[in-house]
Each structure stands twice: as structure tokens, then as C-alpha cells.
Amino acid sequence: MSLADQLAATRRAFEKKTPPEIAERMHRATEELRNSGILDRALKKGQQAPDFSLPDTNGVWVSSADLLRKGPLVVSFFRGKW
């Protein structure tokens, strides 16, 4: 199954279990983000991310450059815990 198929399945599952007023609010927020131009400023496939530092799960700041010296780096953004 492709990533697009997985995302579509996740979207359908979300729609089934989420109250319509909540789903609509989330769709509006997504549309506002798209209309803000944020996608034009996002990195494109193949572009290199700038160096950055973020806190790890223990609150210790970690540099992307330090991690890249050890091997490939995957960054995952976790929006929140609901």
C-alpha cells in the first residue's frame, strides 16, 4: 500500500470516528494553513534541511549536525497527545 493510500485510509477512519463539528473545525484549520503560503516555504523533496537543535525526550539539546555525523537522520514531528 502506498503512502497516499495509507493517508487516505487514515483520513477515512478519522472521519468515521470524529464528530462532524470537530472534523469541520480541523478541515478549516488545515485549509487556513494551506492558504497561508506555508507550503511554498516548506522544504521540497531532495532539499537539505538547515542545521538545527532540538531537545530530546529528556530535555537535552541535540544538534542535527552531531546526529548526522553518526549516520542518517529521521526527524518526526509529534503534534500533540490527545
C-alpha atoms as a PDB file:
ATOM      1  CA  MET A   1       0.000   0.000   0.000  1.00  0.00           C
ATOM      2  CA  SER A   2       1.409   3.396  -0.968  1.00  0.00           C
ATOM      3  CA  LEU A   3       1.804   6.257   1.473  1.00  0.00           C
ATOM      4  CA  ALA A   4      -1.019   8.109  -0.312  1.00  0.00           C
ATOM      5  CA  ASP A   5      -3.288   5.081   0.174  1.00  0.00           C
ATOM      6  CA  GLN A   6      -2.333   4.840   3.857  1.00  0.00           C
ATOM      7  CA  LEU A   7      -3.022   8.539   4.388  1.00  0.00           C
ATOM      8  CA  ALA A   8      -6.389   8.264   2.632  1.00  0.00           C
ATOM      9  CA  ALA A   9      -7.320   5.292   4.844  1.00  0.00           C
ATOM     10  CA  THR A  10      -6.286   7.235   7.952  1.00  0.00           C
ATOM     11  CA  ARG A  11      -8.374  10.203   6.799  1.00  0.00           C
ATOM     12  CA  ARG A  12     -11.435   7.990   6.263  1.00  0.00           C
ATOM     13  CA  ALA A  13     -11.018   6.390   9.702  1.00  0.00           C
ATOM     14  CA  PHE A  14     -10.738   9.864  11.262  1.00  0.00           C
ATOM     15  CA  GLU A  15     -13.928  10.993   9.505  1.00  0.00           C
ATOM     16  CA  LYS A  16     -15.858   7.951  10.802  1.00  0.00           C
ATOM     17  CA  LYS A  17     -14.955   8.391  14.468  1.00  0.00           C
ATOM     18  CA  THR A  18     -14.824  12.190  14.789  1.00  0.00           C
ATOM     19  CA  PRO A  19     -17.912  14.305  15.462  1.00  0.00           C
ATOM     20  CA  PRO A  20     -18.726  16.345  12.326  1.00  0.00           C
ATOM     21  CA  GLU A  21     -18.274  19.728  14.037  1.00  0.00           C
ATOM     22  CA  ILE A  22     -14.780  18.754  15.203  1.00  0.00           C
ATOM     23  CA  ALA A  23     -13.816  17.360  11.807  1.00  0.00           C
ATOM     24  CA  GLU A  24     -15.044  20.540  10.110  1.00  0.00           C
ATOM     25  CA  ARG A  25     -13.020  22.706  12.502  1.00  0.00           C
ATOM     26  CA  MET A  26      -9.900  20.668  11.745  1.00  0.00           C
ATOM     27  CA  HIS A  27     -10.527  20.848   7.983  1.00  0.00           C
ATOM     28  CA  ARG A  28     -10.908  24.640   8.225  1.00  0.00           C
ATOM     29  CA  ALA A  29      -7.639  24.899  10.156  1.00  0.00           C
ATOM     30  CA  THR A  30      -5.878  22.786   7.532  1.00  0.00           C
ATOM     31  CA  GLU A  31      -7.258  24.976   4.752  1.00  0.00           C
ATOM     32  CA  GLU A  32      -6.116  28.114   6.594  1.00  0.00           C
ATOM     33  CA  LEU A  33      -2.613  26.676   6.788  1.00  0.00           C
ATOM     34  CA  ARG A  34      -2.618  25.892   3.078  1.00  0.00           C
ATOM     35  CA  ASN A  35      -3.862  29.407   2.275  1.00  0.00           C
ATOM     36  CA  SER A  36      -1.151  30.966   4.458  1.00  0.00           C
ATOM     37  CA  GLY A  37       1.552  30.066   1.931  1.00  0.00           C
ATOM     38  CA  ILE A  38       3.321  27.727   4.331  1.00  0.00           C
ATOM     39  CA  LEU A  39       3.597  25.031   1.657  1.00  0.00           C
ATOM     40  CA  ASP A  40       5.576  27.417  -0.552  1.00  0.00           C
ATOM     41  CA  ARG A  41       8.128  27.858   2.240  1.00  0.00           C
ATOM     42  CA  ALA A  42       8.390  24.158   3.147  1.00  0.00           C
ATOM     43  CA  LEU A  43      11.375  22.098   2.088  1.00  0.00           C
ATOM     44  CA  LYS A  44      10.821  20.158  -1.119  1.00  0.00           C
ATOM     45  CA  LYS A  45      11.848  16.576  -1.807  1.00  0.00           C
ATOM     46  CA  GLY A  46      15.613  16.398  -2.190  1.00  0.00           C
ATOM     47  CA  GLN A  47      16.328  19.697  -0.422  1.00  0.00           C
ATOM     48  CA  GLN A  48      18.630  19.656   2.573  1.00  0.00           C
ATOM     49  CA  ALA A  49      17.287  20.873   5.888  1.00  0.00           C
ATOM     50  CA  PRO A  50      19.277  23.570   7.688  1.00  0.00           C
ATOM     51  CA  ASP A  51      21.193  22.603  10.807  1.00  0.00           C
ATOM     52  CA  PHE A  52      19.047  22.768  13.930  1.00  0.00           C
ATOM     53  CA  SER A  53      18.982  21.797  17.580  1.00  0.00           C
ATOM     54  CA  LEU A  54      16.015  20.378  19.449  1.00  0.00           C
ATOM     55  CA  PRO A  55      15.505  18.937  22.919  1.00  0.00           C
ATOM     56  CA  ASP A  56      15.361  15.155  23.131  1.00  0.00           C
ATOM     57  CA  THR A  57      12.836  13.256  25.245  1.00  0.00           C
ATOM     58  CA  ASN A  58      14.918  14.065  28.345  1.00  0.00           C
ATOM     59  CA  GLY A  59      15.126  17.796  27.583  1.00  0.00           C
ATOM     60  CA  VAL A  60      18.777  17.608  26.493  1.00  0.00           C
ATOM     61  CA  TRP A  61      19.503  19.734  23.421  1.00  0.00           C
ATOM     62  CA  VAL A  62      20.743  17.686  20.457  1.00  0.00           C
ATOM     63  CA  SER A  63      22.275  19.082  17.270  1.00  0.00           C
ATOM     64  CA  SER A  64      21.278  17.705  13.874  1.00  0.00           C
ATOM     65  CA  ALA A  65      24.894  18.074  12.738  1.00  0.00           C
ATOM     66  CA  ASP A  66      26.082  15.879  15.627  1.00  0.00           C
ATOM     67  CA  LEU A  67      23.491  13.233  14.819  1.00  0.00           C
ATOM     68  CA  LEU A  68      24.280  13.284  11.084  1.00  0.00           C
ATOM     69  CA  ARG A  69      27.933  12.519  11.844  1.00  0.00           C
ATOM     70  CA  LYS A  70      26.690   9.210  13.280  1.00  0.00           C
ATOM     71  CA  GLY A  71      24.563   8.312  10.230  1.00  0.00           C
ATOM     72  CA  PRO A  72      21.225   9.092   8.560  1.00  0.00           C
ATOM     73  CA  LEU A  73      18.758  11.218  10.494  1.00  0.00           C
ATOM     74  CA  VAL A  74      14.980  10.952  10.611  1.00  0.00           C
ATOM     75  CA  VAL A  75      13.004  13.773  12.225  1.00  0.00           C
ATOM     76  CA  SER A  76       9.455  13.085  13.333  1.00  0.00           C
ATOM     77  CA  PHE A  77       7.143  15.886  14.434  1.00  0.00           C
ATOM     78  CA  PHE A  78       4.571  14.899  17.029  1.00  0.00           C
ATOM     79  CA  ARG A  79       1.782  17.463  17.109  1.00  0.00           C
ATOM     80  CA  GLY A  80       0.386  16.532  20.471  1.00  0.00           C
ATOM     81  CA  LYS A  81      -1.012  13.938  22.761  1.00  0.00           C
ATOM     82  CA  TRP A  82      -4.773  13.950  22.885  1.00  0.00           C
END
